[in-house]
C-alpha cells in the first residue's frame, strides 16, 4: 500500500455524508495515522469532473490510463471484467470498485454508471476488454 500523503490545512477534503446514508467509514480513516486518505480529496466538484472525463473516454488505452490515474491519485481500484454468464451487452460486464475506507456509496455507484455510459457509446472498447480477457481466443 502506498504511504498516505501528508495533508496541510489548505487541502480540500470531501464533506461528510449525512448520518446514516453512507458506510464510507470516513471518521475512522481520518483518525488512523496510517490511513490512505487520498480518496477524501475527491470532492463533489472533482467527482463531477472525473465523471465527465470517464464519459469522454474513447479508446481502450484511454480507459486503462484512466484506471491507472484513479489508482495513483485517489487509491481507487477499479476492476472491469466479463461476467460469469455470456456478455451480450455492457450489462454483462462486472464493473466494480474495490471496498476501502473513505469510498463513498455515491462514488461506488456513479463511477461504474459513467463507465457503462462510455462503453454503450464505444462498443470497440467492450470488444477490447473481452479480448484482453481472452474471450475471443486471441492469446
N, C-alpha and C. Protein backbone atom coordinates (compact mmCIF):
# COMPACT_ATOMS: atom_id res chain seq x y z
N UNK A 1 0.84 -1.18 0.00
CA UNK A 1 0.00 0.00 0.00
C UNK A 1 0.88 1.23 0.00
N UNK A 2 0.50 2.23 -0.77
CA UNK A 2 1.25 3.46 -0.84
C UNK A 2 1.09 4.25 0.45
N UNK A 3 2.15 4.95 0.86
CA UNK A 3 2.03 5.75 2.08
C UNK A 3 1.06 6.89 1.88
N UNK A 4 0.35 7.22 2.93
CA UNK A 4 -0.62 8.31 2.87
C UNK A 4 0.12 9.64 2.80
N UNK A 5 -0.33 10.53 1.94
CA UNK A 5 0.32 11.83 1.86
C UNK A 5 0.04 12.65 3.10
N UNK A 6 0.92 13.57 3.36
CA UNK A 6 0.73 14.48 4.49
C UNK A 6 -0.11 15.64 4.00
N UNK A 7 -1.21 15.91 4.68
CA UNK A 7 -2.12 16.97 4.27
C UNK A 7 -1.90 18.21 5.10
N UNK A 8 -1.96 19.33 4.43
CA UNK A 8 -1.92 20.59 5.15
C UNK A 8 -3.35 21.08 5.30
N UNK A 9 -3.51 22.17 5.98
CA UNK A 9 -4.85 22.69 6.26
C UNK A 9 -5.55 23.20 5.00
N UNK A 10 -4.82 23.48 3.92
CA UNK A 10 -5.45 24.04 2.74
C UNK A 10 -5.92 23.00 1.73
N UNK A 11 -5.78 21.71 2.02
CA UNK A 11 -6.24 20.67 1.12
C UNK A 11 -7.73 20.44 1.36
N UNK A 12 -8.51 20.53 0.30
CA UNK A 12 -9.96 20.32 0.42
C UNK A 12 -10.26 18.83 0.51
N UNK A 13 -11.05 18.45 1.49
CA UNK A 13 -11.49 17.07 1.65
C UNK A 13 -12.98 16.99 1.39
N UNK A 14 -13.41 15.84 0.96
CA UNK A 14 -14.83 15.60 0.71
C UNK A 14 -15.64 15.82 1.99
N UNK A 15 -16.76 16.47 1.86
CA UNK A 15 -17.61 16.70 3.02
C UNK A 15 -18.25 15.39 3.46
N UNK A 16 -18.62 15.34 4.71
CA UNK A 16 -19.25 14.14 5.24
C UNK A 16 -20.61 13.92 4.61
N UNK A 17 -20.96 12.65 4.47
CA UNK A 17 -22.30 12.30 4.03
C UNK A 17 -23.24 12.49 5.22
N UNK A 18 -24.52 12.71 4.95
CA UNK A 18 -25.47 12.80 6.07
C UNK A 18 -25.45 11.51 6.90
N UNK A 19 -25.62 11.62 8.20
CA UNK A 19 -25.58 10.43 9.07
C UNK A 19 -26.58 9.36 8.62
N UNK A 20 -26.11 8.13 8.59
CA UNK A 20 -26.97 7.00 8.26
C UNK A 20 -27.15 6.74 6.77
N UNK A 21 -26.62 7.59 5.89
CA UNK A 21 -26.81 7.38 4.45
C UNK A 21 -25.63 6.69 3.79
N UNK A 22 -24.48 6.68 4.44
CA UNK A 22 -23.29 6.13 3.81
C UNK A 22 -22.53 5.26 4.81
N UNK A 23 -21.77 4.34 4.27
CA UNK A 23 -20.97 3.45 5.10
C UNK A 23 -19.48 3.59 4.75
N UNK A 24 -19.07 4.81 4.44
CA UNK A 24 -17.70 5.04 3.97
C UNK A 24 -16.66 4.97 5.08
N UNK A 25 -17.08 5.05 6.32
CA UNK A 25 -16.17 4.95 7.46
C UNK A 25 -15.12 6.06 7.44
N UNK A 26 -15.56 7.24 7.08
CA UNK A 26 -14.70 8.42 6.92
C UNK A 26 -13.97 8.78 8.21
N UNK A 27 -14.67 8.78 9.32
CA UNK A 27 -14.07 9.20 10.59
C UNK A 27 -12.93 8.29 11.03
N UNK A 28 -13.12 6.97 10.91
CA UNK A 28 -12.03 6.07 11.31
C UNK A 28 -10.84 6.21 10.38
N UNK A 29 -11.08 6.52 9.11
CA UNK A 29 -9.98 6.75 8.17
C UNK A 29 -9.20 8.00 8.57
N UNK A 30 -9.91 9.06 8.93
CA UNK A 30 -9.24 10.29 9.34
C UNK A 30 -8.48 10.12 10.66
N UNK A 31 -8.99 9.27 11.54
CA UNK A 31 -8.35 9.05 12.83
C UNK A 31 -7.18 8.08 12.76
N UNK A 32 -7.05 7.33 11.67
CA UNK A 32 -5.96 6.36 11.52
C UNK A 32 -4.74 7.08 10.95
N UNK A 33 -3.64 7.16 11.71
CA UNK A 33 -2.46 7.86 11.21
C UNK A 33 -1.82 7.19 9.99
N UNK A 34 -2.06 5.90 9.81
CA UNK A 34 -1.51 5.18 8.65
C UNK A 34 -2.54 5.05 7.53
N UNK A 35 -3.71 5.66 7.68
CA UNK A 35 -4.77 5.54 6.69
C UNK A 35 -4.44 6.30 5.41
N UNK A 36 -4.84 5.75 4.30
CA UNK A 36 -4.64 6.37 2.99
C UNK A 36 -5.85 7.27 2.71
N UNK A 37 -5.71 8.55 2.93
CA UNK A 37 -6.83 9.49 2.83
C UNK A 37 -6.92 10.17 1.46
N UNK A 38 -6.20 9.65 0.46
CA UNK A 38 -6.26 10.26 -0.87
C UNK A 38 -7.68 10.28 -1.42
N UNK A 39 -8.48 9.27 -1.12
CA UNK A 39 -9.84 9.19 -1.63
C UNK A 39 -10.68 10.38 -1.17
N UNK A 40 -10.36 10.92 0.00
CA UNK A 40 -11.14 12.05 0.52
C UNK A 40 -10.87 13.34 -0.23
N UNK A 41 -9.85 13.36 -1.09
CA UNK A 41 -9.59 14.52 -1.94
C UNK A 41 -10.59 14.64 -3.08
N UNK A 42 -11.36 13.59 -3.30
CA UNK A 42 -12.36 13.60 -4.36
C UNK A 42 -13.61 14.33 -3.85
N UNK A 43 -13.57 15.64 -3.95
CA UNK A 43 -14.70 16.46 -3.52
C UNK A 43 -15.84 16.29 -4.54
N UNK A 44 -16.99 16.82 -4.23
CA UNK A 44 -18.13 16.70 -5.14
C UNK A 44 -17.83 17.36 -6.48
N UNK A 45 -17.12 18.50 -6.47
CA UNK A 45 -16.76 19.17 -7.71
C UNK A 45 -15.77 18.33 -8.53
N UNK A 46 -14.78 17.76 -7.84
CA UNK A 46 -13.81 16.90 -8.51
C UNK A 46 -14.47 15.62 -9.02
N UNK A 47 -15.45 15.12 -8.29
CA UNK A 47 -16.18 13.93 -8.73
C UNK A 47 -16.90 14.22 -10.05
N UNK A 48 -17.52 15.38 -10.16
CA UNK A 48 -18.20 15.75 -11.40
C UNK A 48 -17.22 15.81 -12.56
N UNK A 49 -16.03 16.36 -12.33
CA UNK A 49 -15.00 16.42 -13.38
C UNK A 49 -14.56 15.01 -13.78
N UNK A 50 -14.39 14.14 -12.78
CA UNK A 50 -13.99 12.77 -13.05
C UNK A 50 -15.04 12.04 -13.87
N UNK A 51 -16.29 12.20 -13.52
CA UNK A 51 -17.38 11.54 -14.25
C UNK A 51 -17.42 12.03 -15.70
N UNK A 52 -17.27 13.32 -15.92
CA UNK A 52 -17.24 13.85 -17.28
C UNK A 52 -16.06 13.30 -18.05
N UNK A 53 -14.92 13.18 -17.39
CA UNK A 53 -13.72 12.63 -18.04
C UNK A 53 -13.93 11.16 -18.40
N UNK A 54 -14.52 10.40 -17.49
CA UNK A 54 -14.78 8.98 -17.76
C UNK A 54 -15.73 8.84 -18.94
N UNK A 55 -16.78 9.64 -18.96
CA UNK A 55 -17.76 9.56 -20.04
C UNK A 55 -17.17 9.94 -21.39
N UNK A 56 -16.06 10.68 -21.40
CA UNK A 56 -15.44 11.10 -22.67
C UNK A 56 -14.36 10.14 -23.16
N UNK A 57 -14.15 9.04 -22.45
CA UNK A 57 -13.15 8.06 -22.87
C UNK A 57 -13.54 7.51 -24.24
N UNK A 58 -12.54 7.41 -25.13
CA UNK A 58 -12.86 6.98 -26.50
C UNK A 58 -12.07 5.76 -26.97
N UNK A 59 -11.17 5.24 -26.13
CA UNK A 59 -10.41 4.06 -26.54
C UNK A 59 -10.07 3.20 -25.33
N UNK A 60 -9.70 1.97 -25.59
CA UNK A 60 -9.33 1.06 -24.52
C UNK A 60 -8.07 1.55 -23.81
N UNK A 61 -7.12 2.08 -24.57
CA UNK A 61 -5.89 2.61 -23.96
C UNK A 61 -6.21 3.78 -23.03
N UNK A 62 -7.14 4.62 -23.44
CA UNK A 62 -7.57 5.75 -22.61
C UNK A 62 -8.24 5.26 -21.34
N UNK A 63 -9.04 4.20 -21.44
CA UNK A 63 -9.69 3.61 -20.27
C UNK A 63 -8.64 3.06 -19.31
N UNK A 64 -7.66 2.34 -19.83
CA UNK A 64 -6.59 1.79 -18.99
C UNK A 64 -5.82 2.91 -18.30
N UNK A 65 -5.54 3.97 -19.03
CA UNK A 65 -4.83 5.12 -18.45
C UNK A 65 -5.65 5.74 -17.33
N UNK A 66 -6.95 5.87 -17.53
CA UNK A 66 -7.82 6.45 -16.50
C UNK A 66 -7.85 5.57 -15.26
N UNK A 67 -7.90 4.26 -15.44
CA UNK A 67 -7.88 3.33 -14.30
C UNK A 67 -6.58 3.49 -13.51
N UNK A 68 -5.46 3.60 -14.21
CA UNK A 68 -4.17 3.78 -13.56
C UNK A 68 -4.11 5.11 -12.81
N UNK A 69 -4.62 6.17 -13.41
CA UNK A 69 -4.59 7.50 -12.77
C UNK A 69 -5.50 7.55 -11.54
N UNK A 70 -6.65 6.89 -11.60
CA UNK A 70 -7.53 6.87 -10.44
C UNK A 70 -6.85 6.15 -9.27
N UNK A 71 -6.10 5.10 -9.57
CA UNK A 71 -5.38 4.41 -8.51
C UNK A 71 -4.24 5.28 -7.97
N UNK A 72 -3.46 5.86 -8.87
CA UNK A 72 -2.30 6.66 -8.46
C UNK A 72 -2.70 7.89 -7.65
N UNK A 73 -3.76 8.57 -8.08
CA UNK A 73 -4.12 9.82 -7.43
C UNK A 73 -5.08 9.66 -6.25
N UNK A 74 -5.97 8.67 -6.33
CA UNK A 74 -7.01 8.54 -5.31
C UNK A 74 -6.98 7.22 -4.55
N UNK A 75 -6.23 6.26 -5.05
CA UNK A 75 -6.20 4.95 -4.41
C UNK A 75 -7.40 4.09 -4.75
N UNK A 76 -8.16 4.48 -5.77
CA UNK A 76 -9.35 3.73 -6.19
C UNK A 76 -8.91 2.57 -7.08
N UNK A 77 -9.33 1.36 -6.72
CA UNK A 77 -9.04 0.19 -7.54
C UNK A 77 -10.32 -0.17 -8.29
N UNK A 78 -10.27 -0.01 -9.61
CA UNK A 78 -11.41 -0.28 -10.48
C UNK A 78 -11.13 -1.54 -11.26
N UNK A 79 -12.08 -2.46 -11.25
CA UNK A 79 -11.94 -3.71 -12.00
C UNK A 79 -13.09 -3.83 -13.00
N UNK A 80 -12.73 -4.13 -14.24
CA UNK A 80 -13.72 -4.36 -15.29
C UNK A 80 -13.40 -5.72 -15.90
N UNK A 81 -14.38 -6.61 -15.84
CA UNK A 81 -14.17 -7.97 -16.36
C UNK A 81 -15.50 -8.51 -16.86
N UNK A 82 -15.43 -9.47 -17.79
CA UNK A 82 -16.67 -10.12 -18.23
C UNK A 82 -17.34 -10.84 -17.07
N UNK A 83 -18.67 -10.84 -17.08
CA UNK A 83 -19.42 -11.53 -16.04
C UNK A 83 -19.32 -13.03 -16.20
N UNK A 84 -19.89 -13.75 -15.24
CA UNK A 84 -19.83 -15.21 -15.28
C UNK A 84 -20.66 -15.77 -16.43
N UNK A 85 -21.75 -15.11 -16.77
CA UNK A 85 -22.58 -15.55 -17.89
C UNK A 85 -22.08 -14.88 -19.16
N UNK A 86 -22.69 -15.19 -20.26
CA UNK A 86 -22.23 -14.60 -21.51
C UNK A 86 -22.47 -13.10 -21.53
N UNK A 87 -21.63 -12.40 -22.28
CA UNK A 87 -21.71 -10.95 -22.37
C UNK A 87 -22.42 -10.59 -23.68
N UNK A 88 -23.67 -10.16 -23.56
CA UNK A 88 -24.42 -9.74 -24.75
C UNK A 88 -24.48 -8.22 -24.83
N UNK A 89 -24.45 -7.58 -23.69
CA UNK A 89 -24.49 -6.12 -23.63
C UNK A 89 -23.47 -5.66 -22.60
N UNK A 90 -23.38 -4.36 -22.44
CA UNK A 90 -22.48 -3.78 -21.44
C UNK A 90 -22.87 -4.25 -20.04
N UNK A 91 -24.14 -4.56 -19.84
CA UNK A 91 -24.61 -5.04 -18.53
C UNK A 91 -23.99 -6.39 -18.17
N UNK A 92 -23.45 -7.10 -19.13
CA UNK A 92 -22.81 -8.37 -18.86
C UNK A 92 -21.40 -8.24 -18.30
N UNK A 93 -20.89 -7.02 -18.25
CA UNK A 93 -19.56 -6.79 -17.69
C UNK A 93 -19.69 -6.47 -16.20
N UNK A 94 -18.75 -6.97 -15.42
CA UNK A 94 -18.67 -6.62 -13.99
C UNK A 94 -17.77 -5.40 -13.87
N UNK A 95 -18.34 -4.31 -13.44
CA UNK A 95 -17.59 -3.07 -13.22
C UNK A 95 -17.73 -2.75 -11.74
N UNK A 96 -16.63 -2.84 -11.01
CA UNK A 96 -16.73 -2.61 -9.58
C UNK A 96 -15.50 -1.91 -9.03
N UNK A 97 -15.74 -1.17 -7.97
CA UNK A 97 -14.68 -0.53 -7.22
C UNK A 97 -14.44 -1.37 -5.98
N UNK A 98 -13.19 -1.70 -5.70
CA UNK A 98 -12.91 -2.49 -4.52
C UNK A 98 -13.20 -1.67 -3.26
N UNK A 99 -13.75 -2.35 -2.27
CA UNK A 99 -14.10 -1.70 -1.00
C UNK A 99 -12.85 -1.15 -0.34
N UNK A 100 -13.01 0.03 0.23
CA UNK A 100 -11.94 0.62 1.02
C UNK A 100 -12.52 1.75 1.85
N UNK A 101 -11.94 2.02 3.00
CA UNK A 101 -12.45 3.11 3.84
C UNK A 101 -12.37 4.45 3.10
N UNK A 102 -13.40 5.25 3.26
CA UNK A 102 -13.44 6.57 2.64
C UNK A 102 -14.12 6.59 1.29
N UNK A 103 -14.40 5.43 0.73
CA UNK A 103 -15.04 5.37 -0.58
C UNK A 103 -16.55 5.47 -0.40
N UNK A 104 -17.07 6.61 -0.73
CA UNK A 104 -18.49 6.93 -0.52
C UNK A 104 -19.39 6.03 -1.37
N UNK A 105 -20.55 5.74 -0.83
CA UNK A 105 -21.53 4.90 -1.53
C UNK A 105 -21.92 5.52 -2.87
N UNK A 106 -22.03 6.82 -2.90
CA UNK A 106 -22.40 7.51 -4.14
C UNK A 106 -21.33 7.32 -5.21
N UNK A 107 -20.07 7.40 -4.83
CA UNK A 107 -18.97 7.20 -5.78
C UNK A 107 -18.98 5.78 -6.30
N UNK A 108 -19.30 4.82 -5.43
CA UNK A 108 -19.36 3.41 -5.84
C UNK A 108 -20.43 3.18 -6.90
N UNK A 109 -21.40 4.08 -6.97
CA UNK A 109 -22.46 3.96 -7.97
C UNK A 109 -22.18 4.81 -9.21
N UNK A 110 -21.68 6.02 -9.02
CA UNK A 110 -21.54 6.93 -10.16
C UNK A 110 -20.40 6.56 -11.11
N UNK A 111 -19.28 6.07 -10.58
CA UNK A 111 -18.16 5.72 -11.46
C UNK A 111 -18.52 4.54 -12.37
N UNK A 112 -19.05 3.41 -11.84
CA UNK A 112 -19.46 2.34 -12.75
C UNK A 112 -20.54 2.77 -13.75
N UNK A 113 -21.47 3.63 -13.32
CA UNK A 113 -22.51 4.12 -14.23
C UNK A 113 -21.90 4.93 -15.36
N UNK A 114 -20.91 5.76 -15.05
CA UNK A 114 -20.24 6.56 -16.08
C UNK A 114 -19.47 5.67 -17.05
N UNK A 115 -18.86 4.62 -16.53
CA UNK A 115 -18.13 3.70 -17.41
C UNK A 115 -19.09 2.96 -18.32
N UNK A 116 -20.23 2.52 -17.78
CA UNK A 116 -21.23 1.85 -18.63
C UNK A 116 -21.73 2.79 -19.73
N UNK A 117 -21.94 4.04 -19.40
CA UNK A 117 -22.38 5.03 -20.39
C UNK A 117 -21.32 5.18 -21.49
N UNK A 118 -20.07 5.24 -21.08
CA UNK A 118 -18.98 5.34 -22.04
C UNK A 118 -18.92 4.09 -22.93
N UNK A 119 -19.06 2.91 -22.33
CA UNK A 119 -18.99 1.67 -23.10
C UNK A 119 -20.18 1.51 -24.03
N UNK A 120 -21.35 2.02 -23.63
CA UNK A 120 -22.51 1.98 -24.53
C UNK A 120 -22.23 2.77 -25.81
N UNK A 121 -21.52 3.88 -25.66
CA UNK A 121 -21.21 4.73 -26.82
C UNK A 121 -20.04 4.21 -27.64
N UNK A 122 -19.18 3.36 -27.03
CA UNK A 122 -17.96 2.89 -27.69
C UNK A 122 -17.85 1.38 -27.59
N UNK A 123 -18.60 0.64 -28.41
CA UNK A 123 -18.56 -0.82 -28.31
C UNK A 123 -17.19 -1.41 -28.60
N UNK A 124 -16.34 -0.68 -29.32
CA UNK A 124 -15.00 -1.20 -29.60
C UNK A 124 -14.18 -1.35 -28.32
N UNK A 125 -14.47 -0.54 -27.30
CA UNK A 125 -13.80 -0.69 -26.01
C UNK A 125 -14.26 -1.98 -25.33
N UNK A 126 -15.53 -2.31 -25.46
CA UNK A 126 -16.05 -3.57 -24.89
C UNK A 126 -15.35 -4.74 -25.55
N UNK A 127 -15.19 -4.70 -26.88
CA UNK A 127 -14.51 -5.79 -27.58
C UNK A 127 -13.06 -5.91 -27.11
N UNK A 128 -12.40 -4.78 -26.86
CA UNK A 128 -11.02 -4.80 -26.38
C UNK A 128 -10.96 -5.40 -24.97
N UNK A 129 -11.94 -5.09 -24.13
CA UNK A 129 -11.98 -5.67 -22.78
C UNK A 129 -12.15 -7.18 -22.87
N UNK A 130 -13.08 -7.61 -23.73
CA UNK A 130 -13.29 -9.05 -23.92
C UNK A 130 -12.03 -9.72 -24.47
N UNK A 131 -11.37 -9.06 -25.41
CA UNK A 131 -10.15 -9.60 -25.99
C UNK A 131 -9.04 -9.66 -24.95
N UNK A 132 -8.96 -8.66 -24.07
CA UNK A 132 -7.94 -8.66 -23.02
C UNK A 132 -8.13 -9.80 -22.03
N UNK A 133 -9.38 -10.27 -21.92
CA UNK A 133 -9.67 -11.41 -21.04
C UNK A 133 -9.71 -12.71 -21.83
N UNK A 134 -9.20 -12.68 -23.06
CA UNK A 134 -9.03 -13.84 -23.93
C UNK A 134 -10.33 -14.53 -24.30
N UNK A 135 -11.42 -13.77 -24.37
CA UNK A 135 -12.69 -14.37 -24.76
C UNK A 135 -12.81 -14.57 -26.26
N UNK A 136 -12.00 -13.86 -27.02
CA UNK A 136 -12.02 -14.05 -28.45
C UNK A 136 -10.93 -15.01 -28.91
N UNK A 137 -10.21 -15.60 -27.98
CA UNK A 137 -9.20 -16.60 -28.30
C UNK A 137 -7.96 -16.05 -28.96
N UNK A 138 -7.66 -14.79 -28.75
CA UNK A 138 -6.54 -14.16 -29.42
C UNK A 138 -5.18 -14.43 -28.80
N UNK A 139 -5.15 -14.95 -27.58
CA UNK A 139 -3.83 -15.09 -26.93
C UNK A 139 -3.50 -16.50 -26.63
